[in-house]
Amino acid sequence: MLTARAAHRYCNIADMTPEQRGNRIAIFGVVLEYCVHGEWLMSETDENGRWGAWWVPLRKMVKDCGKEAVEEKLDAFEADVAEEKATAMAAAMADDSSDEEGG
């Protein structure tokens, strides 16, 4: 079974200075981006496309796909995230091991 994974971010910490990373993330002027996995055309003449995931600004998604289509997909994404979060939290509460995944 293939499970879709996605994410969103308000900033790219790789582009931030140590001082910016140490301070509160400014809400104004921040670009909201989503990590979108799918088949992508690399140019207008690309015939085959490429599968992968890229960070895409919300503004570009709305311009390219329309507000209604983006809202529908993001609503589904947010519902999936809420379900995954509830499952992960329940598993964390039930797990008595001290192992930590990720980092």
N, C-alpha and C. Protein backbone atom coordinates (compact mmCIF):
# COMPACT_ATOMS: atom_id res chain seq x y z
N MET A 1 0.84 -1.19 0.00
CA MET A 1 0.00 0.00 0.00
C MET A 1 0.89 1.24 0.00
N LEU A 2 0.58 2.18 -0.85
CA LEU A 2 1.32 3.43 -0.93
C LEU A 2 0.62 4.46 -0.07
N THR A 3 1.35 5.07 0.84
CA THR A 3 0.81 6.09 1.72
C THR A 3 1.37 7.44 1.31
N ALA A 4 0.47 8.38 1.05
CA ALA A 4 0.90 9.72 0.66
C ALA A 4 1.42 10.46 1.89
N ARG A 5 2.45 11.22 1.72
CA ARG A 5 3.00 12.06 2.79
C ARG A 5 3.11 13.47 2.24
N ALA A 6 2.84 14.41 3.07
CA ALA A 6 2.95 15.80 2.65
C ALA A 6 3.32 16.63 3.87
N ALA A 7 3.64 17.87 3.62
CA ALA A 7 4.03 18.77 4.70
C ALA A 7 3.79 20.20 4.27
N HIS A 8 3.85 21.10 5.22
CA HIS A 8 3.83 22.52 4.87
C HIS A 8 4.84 23.23 5.75
N ARG A 9 5.25 24.39 5.29
CA ARG A 9 6.21 25.17 6.06
C ARG A 9 5.95 26.65 5.82
N TYR A 10 6.36 27.44 6.79
CA TYR A 10 6.23 28.89 6.72
C TYR A 10 7.55 29.55 6.40
N CYS A 11 8.62 28.80 6.45
CA CYS A 11 9.93 29.34 6.13
C CYS A 11 10.86 28.20 5.77
N ASN A 12 11.94 28.52 5.11
CA ASN A 12 12.96 27.53 4.78
C ASN A 12 14.15 27.82 5.67
N ILE A 13 14.34 27.00 6.71
CA ILE A 13 15.41 27.29 7.66
C ILE A 13 16.79 27.22 7.03
N ALA A 14 16.92 26.50 5.91
CA ALA A 14 18.21 26.45 5.23
C ALA A 14 18.60 27.81 4.68
N ASP A 15 17.62 28.65 4.40
CA ASP A 15 17.90 29.99 3.87
C ASP A 15 18.04 31.04 4.97
N MET A 16 17.84 30.66 6.22
CA MET A 16 17.87 31.62 7.32
C MET A 16 19.26 31.70 7.95
N THR A 17 19.58 32.87 8.47
CA THR A 17 20.83 33.05 9.21
C THR A 17 20.65 32.44 10.60
N PRO A 18 21.76 32.19 11.31
CA PRO A 18 21.63 31.69 12.69
C PRO A 18 20.79 32.63 13.56
N GLU A 19 20.93 33.93 13.37
CA GLU A 19 20.14 34.89 14.15
C GLU A 19 18.66 34.75 13.83
N GLN A 20 18.32 34.64 12.54
CA GLN A 20 16.92 34.48 12.16
C GLN A 20 16.33 33.19 12.73
N ARG A 21 17.13 32.11 12.71
CA ARG A 21 16.65 30.83 13.25
C ARG A 21 16.45 30.91 14.77
N GLY A 22 17.21 31.77 15.42
CA GLY A 22 17.11 31.91 16.87
C GLY A 22 15.97 32.81 17.32
N ASN A 23 15.49 33.64 16.42
CA ASN A 23 14.41 34.56 16.76
C ASN A 23 13.05 33.96 16.37
N ARG A 24 12.01 34.59 16.84
CA ARG A 24 10.65 34.18 16.51
C ARG A 24 10.44 34.30 14.99
N ILE A 25 9.74 33.33 14.44
CA ILE A 25 9.46 33.38 13.00
C ILE A 25 8.44 34.48 12.76
N ALA A 26 8.80 35.43 11.93
CA ALA A 26 7.91 36.53 11.61
C ALA A 26 6.77 36.01 10.75
N ILE A 27 5.55 36.35 11.11
CA ILE A 27 4.38 35.86 10.37
C ILE A 27 4.17 36.67 9.09
N PHE A 28 4.46 37.94 9.13
CA PHE A 28 4.21 38.78 7.96
C PHE A 28 5.35 38.64 6.96
N GLY A 29 5.00 38.53 5.69
CA GLY A 29 6.00 38.40 4.65
C GLY A 29 6.48 36.97 4.46
N VAL A 30 5.92 36.04 5.23
CA VAL A 30 6.31 34.64 5.14
C VAL A 30 5.57 33.99 3.98
N VAL A 31 6.26 33.12 3.27
CA VAL A 31 5.66 32.40 2.16
C VAL A 31 5.22 31.03 2.67
N LEU A 32 3.93 30.75 2.57
CA LEU A 32 3.41 29.44 2.96
C LEU A 32 3.63 28.48 1.79
N GLU A 33 4.35 27.39 2.06
CA GLU A 33 4.66 26.41 1.02
C GLU A 33 4.19 25.03 1.45
N TYR A 34 3.89 24.21 0.45
CA TYR A 34 3.52 22.82 0.69
C TYR A 34 4.47 21.94 -0.09
N CYS A 35 4.87 20.83 0.51
CA CYS A 35 5.68 19.84 -0.18
C CYS A 35 4.71 18.96 -0.97
N VAL A 36 4.80 19.03 -2.28
CA VAL A 36 3.85 18.34 -3.15
C VAL A 36 4.58 17.24 -3.89
N HIS A 37 4.04 16.03 -3.78
CA HIS A 37 4.61 14.88 -4.50
C HIS A 37 3.72 14.58 -5.69
N GLY A 38 4.33 14.39 -6.83
CA GLY A 38 3.56 14.05 -8.02
C GLY A 38 4.44 14.01 -9.25
N GLU A 39 3.80 14.01 -10.40
CA GLU A 39 4.52 14.03 -11.67
C GLU A 39 4.62 15.48 -12.14
N TRP A 40 5.82 15.89 -12.46
CA TRP A 40 6.10 17.28 -12.79
C TRP A 40 6.70 17.38 -14.18
N LEU A 41 6.27 18.37 -14.94
CA LEU A 41 6.91 18.71 -16.20
C LEU A 41 7.99 19.73 -15.88
N MET A 42 9.18 19.49 -16.39
CA MET A 42 10.30 20.36 -16.08
C MET A 42 10.31 21.63 -16.93
N SER A 43 9.58 21.61 -18.05
CA SER A 43 9.46 22.78 -18.91
C SER A 43 8.21 22.59 -19.77
N GLU A 44 7.87 23.59 -20.56
CA GLU A 44 6.71 23.49 -21.45
C GLU A 44 6.91 22.44 -22.54
N THR A 45 8.14 22.12 -22.86
CA THR A 45 8.41 21.13 -23.91
C THR A 45 8.71 19.74 -23.36
N ASP A 46 8.70 19.59 -22.04
CA ASP A 46 8.97 18.29 -21.41
C ASP A 46 7.82 17.33 -21.74
N GLU A 47 8.14 16.21 -22.33
CA GLU A 47 7.12 15.23 -22.70
C GLU A 47 6.95 14.12 -21.67
N ASN A 48 7.98 13.83 -20.89
CA ASN A 48 7.93 12.70 -19.98
C ASN A 48 7.67 13.08 -18.52
N GLY A 49 8.08 14.24 -18.13
CA GLY A 49 7.91 14.64 -16.74
C GLY A 49 8.82 13.85 -15.81
N ARG A 50 8.68 14.12 -14.52
CA ARG A 50 9.50 13.46 -13.52
C ARG A 50 8.69 13.36 -12.23
N TRP A 51 8.77 12.21 -11.56
CA TRP A 51 8.11 12.02 -10.28
C TRP A 51 9.01 12.55 -9.18
N GLY A 52 8.43 13.17 -8.20
CA GLY A 52 9.20 13.64 -7.07
C GLY A 52 8.40 14.61 -6.22
N ALA A 53 9.06 15.18 -5.24
CA ALA A 53 8.42 16.12 -4.33
C ALA A 53 9.20 17.43 -4.33
N TRP A 54 8.48 18.52 -4.40
CA TRP A 54 9.07 19.86 -4.36
C TRP A 54 8.22 20.75 -3.49
N TRP A 55 8.88 21.74 -2.88
CA TRP A 55 8.15 22.76 -2.12
C TRP A 55 7.53 23.73 -3.11
N VAL A 56 6.22 23.95 -2.98
CA VAL A 56 5.49 24.81 -3.90
C VAL A 56 4.75 25.87 -3.08
N PRO A 57 4.94 27.14 -3.37
CA PRO A 57 4.21 28.19 -2.65
C PRO A 57 2.70 28.06 -2.89
N LEU A 58 1.94 28.32 -1.85
CA LEU A 58 0.48 28.28 -1.96
C LEU A 58 0.00 29.20 -3.09
N ARG A 59 0.61 30.35 -3.20
CA ARG A 59 0.23 31.31 -4.25
C ARG A 59 0.33 30.68 -5.64
N LYS A 60 1.40 29.92 -5.90
CA LYS A 60 1.58 29.28 -7.21
C LYS A 60 0.53 28.19 -7.43
N MET A 61 0.25 27.41 -6.37
CA MET A 61 -0.76 26.36 -6.51
C MET A 61 -2.11 26.96 -6.88
N VAL A 62 -2.49 28.05 -6.24
CA VAL A 62 -3.78 28.69 -6.52
C VAL A 62 -3.80 29.25 -7.93
N LYS A 63 -2.70 29.89 -8.36
CA LYS A 63 -2.64 30.43 -9.72
C LYS A 63 -2.72 29.33 -10.77
N ASP A 64 -2.04 28.20 -10.52
CA ASP A 64 -1.98 27.13 -11.50
C ASP A 64 -3.22 26.24 -11.50
N CYS A 65 -3.83 26.04 -10.34
CA CYS A 65 -4.91 25.04 -10.22
C CYS A 65 -6.27 25.61 -9.86
N GLY A 66 -6.30 26.85 -9.39
CA GLY A 66 -7.56 27.46 -8.98
C GLY A 66 -7.81 27.28 -7.49
N LYS A 67 -8.47 28.28 -6.91
CA LYS A 67 -8.70 28.31 -5.47
C LYS A 67 -9.52 27.12 -4.99
N GLU A 68 -10.59 26.78 -5.69
CA GLU A 68 -11.47 25.70 -5.25
C GLU A 68 -10.75 24.35 -5.23
N ALA A 69 -9.98 24.05 -6.29
CA ALA A 69 -9.26 22.78 -6.35
C ALA A 69 -8.22 22.69 -5.25
N VAL A 70 -7.52 23.79 -4.99
CA VAL A 70 -6.49 23.79 -3.96
C VAL A 70 -7.13 23.64 -2.58
N GLU A 71 -8.23 24.35 -2.33
CA GLU A 71 -8.91 24.22 -1.05
C GLU A 71 -9.37 22.79 -0.81
N GLU A 72 -9.90 22.15 -1.83
CA GLU A 72 -10.37 20.76 -1.70
C GLU A 72 -9.21 19.83 -1.32
N LYS A 73 -8.09 19.96 -2.02
CA LYS A 73 -6.94 19.11 -1.73
C LYS A 73 -6.34 19.41 -0.36
N LEU A 74 -6.26 20.69 0.01
CA LEU A 74 -5.68 21.04 1.31
C LEU A 74 -6.59 20.61 2.46
N ASP A 75 -7.91 20.67 2.26
CA ASP A 75 -8.83 20.17 3.28
C ASP A 75 -8.61 18.68 3.51
N ALA A 76 -8.46 17.92 2.42
CA ALA A 76 -8.20 16.48 2.53
C ALA A 76 -6.86 16.23 3.21
N PHE A 77 -5.85 17.01 2.84
CA PHE A 77 -4.52 16.89 3.45
C PHE A 77 -4.59 17.15 4.95
N GLU A 78 -5.27 18.23 5.35
CA GLU A 78 -5.34 18.58 6.75
C GLU A 78 -6.12 17.53 7.56
N ALA A 79 -7.13 16.92 6.96
CA ALA A 79 -7.87 15.84 7.63
C ALA A 79 -6.95 14.63 7.82
N ASP A 80 -6.16 14.31 6.79
CA ASP A 80 -5.21 13.20 6.89
C ASP A 80 -4.17 13.47 7.97
N VAL A 81 -3.67 14.71 8.03
CA VAL A 81 -2.66 15.07 9.03
C VAL A 81 -3.25 14.92 10.44
N ALA A 82 -4.49 15.37 10.62
CA ALA A 82 -5.12 15.26 11.93
C ALA A 82 -5.26 13.79 12.34
N GLU A 83 -5.63 12.93 11.41
CA GLU A 83 -5.76 11.50 11.69
C GLU A 83 -4.40 10.88 12.01
N GLU A 84 -3.38 11.21 11.20
CA GLU A 84 -2.03 10.69 11.43
C GLU A 84 -1.49 11.17 12.79
N LYS A 85 -1.77 12.42 13.12
CA LYS A 85 -1.30 12.97 14.39
C LYS A 85 -1.95 12.25 15.56
N ALA A 86 -3.26 12.02 15.49
CA ALA A 86 -3.96 11.33 16.56
C ALA A 86 -3.43 9.91 16.73
N THR A 87 -3.19 9.23 15.61
CA THR A 87 -2.66 7.87 15.65
C THR A 87 -1.26 7.86 16.25
N ALA A 88 -0.41 8.79 15.82
CA ALA A 88 0.97 8.85 16.31
C ALA A 88 1.01 9.20 17.80
N MET A 89 0.14 10.08 18.23
CA MET A 89 0.11 10.46 19.65
C MET A 89 -0.37 9.29 20.50
N ALA A 90 -1.37 8.58 20.04
CA ALA A 90 -1.86 7.41 20.77
C ALA A 90 -0.76 6.36 20.86
N ALA A 91 -0.05 6.14 19.76
CA ALA A 91 1.05 5.17 19.77
C ALA A 91 2.16 5.62 20.71
N ALA A 92 2.45 6.89 20.74
CA ALA A 92 3.50 7.41 21.63
C ALA A 92 3.11 7.22 23.09
N MET A 93 1.84 7.42 23.41
CA MET A 93 1.38 7.25 24.78
C MET A 93 1.38 5.78 25.19
N ALA A 94 1.16 4.89 24.23
CA ALA A 94 1.12 3.46 24.53
C ALA A 94 2.50 2.83 24.56
N ASP A 95 3.47 3.48 23.94
CA ASP A 95 4.82 2.93 23.82
C ASP A 95 5.64 3.33 25.05
N ASP A 96 6.17 2.31 25.75
CA ASP A 96 6.97 2.61 26.92
C ASP A 96 8.46 2.55 26.67
N SER A 97 8.85 2.41 25.40
CA SER A 97 10.28 2.37 25.10
C SER A 97 10.84 3.78 25.11
N SER A 98 12.14 3.87 25.27
CA SER A 98 12.78 5.19 25.29
C SER A 98 13.40 5.54 23.95
N ASP A 99 13.18 4.69 22.94
CA ASP A 99 13.73 4.96 21.61
C ASP A 99 13.04 6.16 21.01
N GLU A 100 13.79 6.96 20.31
CA GLU A 100 13.24 8.11 19.61
C GLU A 100 13.54 7.95 18.14
N GLU A 101 12.52 8.15 17.30
CA GLU A 101 12.71 8.10 15.86
C GLU A 101 12.99 9.50 15.37
N GLY A 102 13.71 9.58 14.25
CA GLY A 102 13.96 10.88 13.64
C GLY A 102 15.00 11.64 14.43
N GLY A 103 14.83 12.95 14.45
CA GLY A 103 15.81 13.72 15.20
C GLY A 103 15.72 15.08 14.90
